[in-house]
């Protein structure tokens, strides 16, 4: 009987840790009953993996444009320097632009995941306006 109790205790701790991780990401999950929570997360996880794959394809496509952008004749080329120096400056500028664009694209799935779960939870389990805290 001791092994079974140990298993149950570890399983309970694992579920609590998983719930804590998910509620840090999306606090409105606390309003969902435990038996419905896993189905909701499965539904939202499929959507986030689909969105993440689209974001990865977009980032890959954007990085593949590097050769096209470097060879593209820009009007704001530095007047002095050898062609290799001008190309290096252009590479630096393009890399900076990529960093600015790629960070929000990578954060987009997390934002959409939170939005989707909050939308589902708020529709099915509205906040209680009587307690003053909105839980």
C-alpha atoms as a PDB file:
ATOM      1  CA  UNK A   1       0.000   0.000   0.000  1.00  0.00           C
ATOM      2  CA  UNK A   2       2.971   2.316   0.552  1.00  0.00           C
ATOM      3  CA  UNK A   3       3.966   2.351  -3.124  1.00  0.00           C
ATOM      4  CA  UNK A   4       0.443   3.249  -4.216  1.00  0.00           C
ATOM      5  CA  UNK A   5       0.245   6.117  -1.705  1.00  0.00           C
ATOM      6  CA  UNK A   6       3.616   7.403  -2.904  1.00  0.00           C
ATOM      7  CA  UNK A   7       2.407   7.236  -6.517  1.00  0.00           C
ATOM      8  CA  UNK A   8      -0.801   9.108  -5.689  1.00  0.00           C
ATOM      9  CA  UNK A   9       1.121  11.792  -3.787  1.00  0.00           C
ATOM     10  CA  UNK A  10       3.550  12.309  -6.692  1.00  0.00           C
ATOM     11  CA  UNK A  11       0.681  12.406  -9.181  1.00  0.00           C
ATOM     12  CA  UNK A  12      -1.110  15.034  -7.086  1.00  0.00           C
ATOM     13  CA  UNK A  13       2.064  17.149  -6.855  1.00  0.00           C
ATOM     14  CA  UNK A  14       2.574  16.858 -10.619  1.00  0.00           C
ATOM     15  CA  UNK A  15      -0.989  18.046 -11.288  1.00  0.00           C
ATOM     16  CA  UNK A  16      -0.589  20.967  -8.869  1.00  0.00           C
ATOM     17  CA  UNK A  17       2.717  21.987 -10.472  1.00  0.00           C
ATOM     18  CA  UNK A  18       1.176  21.799 -13.948  1.00  0.00           C
ATOM     19  CA  UNK A  19      -1.820  23.860 -12.813  1.00  0.00           C
ATOM     20  CA  UNK A  20       0.508  26.463 -11.305  1.00  0.00           C
ATOM     21  CA  UNK A  21       2.505  26.692 -14.552  1.00  0.00           C
ATOM     22  CA  UNK A  22      -0.642  27.123 -16.616  1.00  0.00           C
ATOM     23  CA  UNK A  23      -2.234  29.671 -14.274  1.00  0.00           C
ATOM     24  CA  UNK A  24       0.924  31.775 -14.376  1.00  0.00           C
ATOM     25  CA  UNK A  25       0.499  31.897 -18.145  1.00  0.00           C
ATOM     26  CA  UNK A  26      -3.268  32.406 -18.009  1.00  0.00           C
ATOM     27  CA  UNK A  27      -4.812  33.169 -14.563  1.00  0.00           C
ATOM     28  CA  UNK A  28      -8.406  32.797 -15.764  1.00  0.00           C
ATOM     29  CA  UNK A  29      -7.907  29.003 -15.827  1.00  0.00           C
ATOM     30  CA  UNK A  30      -8.605  28.951 -12.085  1.00  0.00           C
ATOM     31  CA  UNK A  31     -12.308  29.477 -12.840  1.00  0.00           C
ATOM     32  CA  UNK A  32     -12.514  26.313 -14.963  1.00  0.00           C
ATOM     33  CA  UNK A  33     -13.426  23.037 -13.209  1.00  0.00           C
ATOM     34  CA  UNK A  34     -10.573  20.530 -13.116  1.00  0.00           C
ATOM     35  CA  UNK A  35     -12.297  17.923 -15.279  1.00  0.00           C
ATOM     36  CA  UNK A  36     -12.896  20.430 -18.112  1.00  0.00           C
ATOM     37  CA  UNK A  37      -9.494  22.105 -17.888  1.00  0.00           C
ATOM     38  CA  UNK A  38      -7.551  19.460 -19.812  1.00  0.00           C
ATOM     39  CA  UNK A  39     -10.008  19.505 -22.737  1.00  0.00           C
ATOM     40  CA  UNK A  40      -9.774  23.291 -22.884  1.00  0.00           C
ATOM     41  CA  UNK A  41      -5.965  23.175 -22.865  1.00  0.00           C
ATOM     42  CA  UNK A  42      -5.918  20.503 -25.589  1.00  0.00           C
ATOM     43  CA  UNK A  43      -8.138  22.656 -27.772  1.00  0.00           C
ATOM     44  CA  UNK A  44      -6.029  25.759 -27.191  1.00  0.00           C
ATOM     45  CA  UNK A  45      -2.750  23.838 -27.617  1.00  0.00           C
ATOM     46  CA  UNK A  46      -3.729  22.682 -31.091  1.00  0.00           C
ATOM     47  CA  UNK A  47      -4.435  26.281 -32.054  1.00  0.00           C
ATOM     48  CA  UNK A  48      -1.150  27.542 -30.632  1.00  0.00           C
ATOM     49  CA  UNK A  49       0.918  24.871 -32.398  1.00  0.00           C
ATOM     50  CA  UNK A  50      -0.772  25.783 -35.667  1.00  0.00           C
ATOM     51  CA  UNK A  51      -0.037  29.476 -35.087  1.00  0.00           C
ATOM     52  CA  UNK A  52       3.534  28.731 -34.011  1.00  0.00           C
ATOM     53  CA  UNK A  53       4.176  26.781 -37.199  1.00  0.00           C
ATOM     54  CA  UNK A  54       2.896  29.720 -39.252  1.00  0.00           C
ATOM     55  CA  UNK A  55       5.209  32.081 -37.323  1.00  0.00           C
ATOM     56  CA  UNK A  56       8.199  29.799 -37.917  1.00  0.00           C
ATOM     57  CA  UNK A  57       7.449  29.705 -41.642  1.00  0.00           C
ATOM     58  CA  UNK A  58       7.186  33.510 -41.716  1.00  0.00           C
ATOM     59  CA  UNK A  59      10.479  33.950 -39.860  1.00  0.00           C
ATOM     60  CA  UNK A  60      12.205  31.450 -42.156  1.00  0.00           C
ATOM     61  CA  UNK A  61      10.863  33.259 -45.203  1.00  0.00           C
ATOM     62  CA  UNK A  62      12.000  36.584 -43.767  1.00  0.00           C
ATOM     63  CA  UNK A  63      15.529  35.284 -43.154  1.00  0.00           C
ATOM     64  CA  UNK A  64      15.637  33.855 -46.678  1.00  0.00           C
ATOM     65  CA  UNK A  65      15.027  37.357 -48.002  1.00  0.00           C
ATOM     66  CA  UNK A  66      18.468  38.352 -46.699  1.00  0.00           C
ATOM     67  CA  UNK A  67      20.310  37.750 -49.981  1.00  0.00           C
ATOM     68  CA  UNK A  68      17.635  39.555 -51.939  1.00  0.00           C
ATOM     69  CA  UNK A  69      17.713  42.560 -49.602  1.00  0.00           C
ATOM     70  CA  UNK A  70      21.507  42.850 -49.612  1.00  0.00           C
ATOM     71  CA  UNK A  71      21.712  42.847 -53.408  1.00  0.00           C
ATOM     72  CA  UNK A  72      18.779  45.224 -53.724  1.00  0.00           C
ATOM     73  CA  UNK A  73      19.947  48.739 -54.738  1.00  0.00           C
ATOM     74  CA  UNK A  74      19.013  51.001 -51.817  1.00  0.00           C
ATOM     75  CA  UNK A  75      19.055  54.772 -52.224  1.00  0.00           C
ATOM     76  CA  UNK A  76      20.685  55.345 -48.813  1.00  0.00           C
ATOM     77  CA  UNK A  77      23.967  53.574 -49.579  1.00  0.00           C
ATOM     78  CA  UNK A  78      27.013  54.956 -47.761  1.00  0.00           C
ATOM     79  CA  UNK A  79      28.941  57.174 -50.186  1.00  0.00           C
ATOM     80  CA  UNK A  80      32.437  56.195 -49.060  1.00  0.00           C
ATOM     81  CA  UNK A  81      34.117  52.856 -48.681  1.00  0.00           C
ATOM     82  CA  UNK A  82      34.663  49.778 -50.720  1.00  0.00           C
ATOM     83  CA  UNK A  83      31.705  47.696 -51.894  1.00  0.00           C
ATOM     84  CA  UNK A  84      32.458  45.080 -49.229  1.00  0.00           C
ATOM     85  CA  UNK A  85      32.313  47.733 -46.476  1.00  0.00           C
ATOM     86  CA  UNK A  86      29.012  49.015 -47.813  1.00  0.00           C
ATOM     87  CA  UNK A  87      27.680  45.470 -47.935  1.00  0.00           C
ATOM     88  CA  UNK A  88      28.781  44.907 -44.309  1.00  0.00           C
ATOM     89  CA  UNK A  89      26.941  48.053 -43.187  1.00  0.00           C
ATOM     90  CA  UNK A  90      23.890  46.894 -45.076  1.00  0.00           C
ATOM     91  CA  UNK A  91      24.097  43.448 -43.430  1.00  0.00           C
ATOM     92  CA  UNK A  92      24.192  45.121 -40.004  1.00  0.00           C
ATOM     93  CA  UNK A  93      21.155  47.251 -40.810  1.00  0.00           C
ATOM     94  CA  UNK A  94      19.185  44.261 -42.095  1.00  0.00           C
ATOM     95  CA  UNK A  95      20.124  42.178 -39.040  1.00  0.00           C
ATOM     96  CA  UNK A  96      18.869  44.955 -36.750  1.00  0.00           C
ATOM     97  CA  UNK A  97      15.586  45.161 -38.688  1.00  0.00           C
ATOM     98  CA  UNK A  98      15.206  41.385 -38.420  1.00  0.00           C
ATOM     99  CA  UNK A  99      15.660  41.509 -34.659  1.00  0.00           C
ATOM    100  CA  UNK A 100      12.980  44.175 -34.358  1.00  0.00           C
ATOM    101  CA  UNK A 101      10.518  42.180 -36.471  1.00  0.00           C
ATOM    102  CA  UNK A 102      11.217  38.636 -35.205  1.00  0.00           C
ATOM    103  CA  UNK A 103      10.721  39.259 -31.484  1.00  0.00           C
ATOM    104  CA  UNK A 104       7.035  40.238 -31.744  1.00  0.00           C
ATOM    105  CA  UNK A 105       6.458  37.400 -34.212  1.00  0.00           C
ATOM    106  CA  UNK A 106       7.858  34.930 -31.677  1.00  0.00           C
ATOM    107  CA  UNK A 107       5.731  36.408 -28.880  1.00  0.00           C
ATOM    108  CA  UNK A 108       2.581  36.297 -31.001  1.00  0.00           C
ATOM    109  CA  UNK A 109       1.674  32.642 -30.201  1.00  0.00           C
ATOM    110  CA  UNK A 110       1.834  33.277 -26.445  1.00  0.00           C
ATOM    111  CA  UNK A 111      -0.333  36.377 -26.762  1.00  0.00           C
ATOM    112  CA  UNK A 112      -2.872  34.569 -28.930  1.00  0.00           C
ATOM    113  CA  UNK A 113      -2.852  31.548 -26.571  1.00  0.00           C
ATOM    114  CA  UNK A 114      -3.713  33.763 -23.603  1.00  0.00           C
ATOM    115  CA  UNK A 115      -6.349  35.607 -25.602  1.00  0.00           C
ATOM    116  CA  UNK A 116      -7.976  32.379 -26.820  1.00  0.00           C
ATOM    117  CA  UNK A 117      -8.120  30.792 -23.362  1.00  0.00           C
ATOM    118  CA  UNK A 118      -9.427  33.980 -21.743  1.00  0.00           C
ATOM    119  CA  UNK A 119     -12.099  34.273 -24.419  1.00  0.00           C
ATOM    120  CA  UNK A 120     -13.267  30.676 -23.947  1.00  0.00           C
ATOM    121  CA  UNK A 121     -13.182  30.880 -20.141  1.00  0.00           C
ATOM    122  CA  UNK A 122     -14.948  34.251 -19.970  1.00  0.00           C
ATOM    123  CA  UNK A 123     -17.698  33.033 -22.267  1.00  0.00           C
ATOM    124  CA  UNK A 124     -18.329  29.770 -20.408  1.00  0.00           C
ATOM    125  CA  UNK A 125     -17.484  30.886 -16.852  1.00  0.00           C
ATOM    126  CA  UNK A 126     -18.131  34.642 -16.528  1.00  0.00           C
ATOM    127  CA  UNK A 127     -16.540  36.585 -13.704  1.00  0.00           C
ATOM    128  CA  UNK A 128     -18.615  36.976 -10.567  1.00  0.00           C
ATOM    129  CA  UNK A 129     -19.350  40.712 -10.270  1.00  0.00           C
ATOM    130  CA  UNK A 130     -20.562  40.369  -6.660  1.00  0.00           C
ATOM    131  CA  UNK A 131     -17.286  39.626  -4.893  1.00  0.00           C
ATOM    132  CA  UNK A 132     -15.458  42.766  -6.061  1.00  0.00           C
ATOM    133  CA  UNK A 133     -12.301  40.938  -7.136  1.00  0.00           C
ATOM    134  CA  UNK A 134     -13.498  39.570 -10.470  1.00  0.00           C
ATOM    135  CA  UNK A 135     -12.725  35.916  -9.687  1.00  0.00           C
END
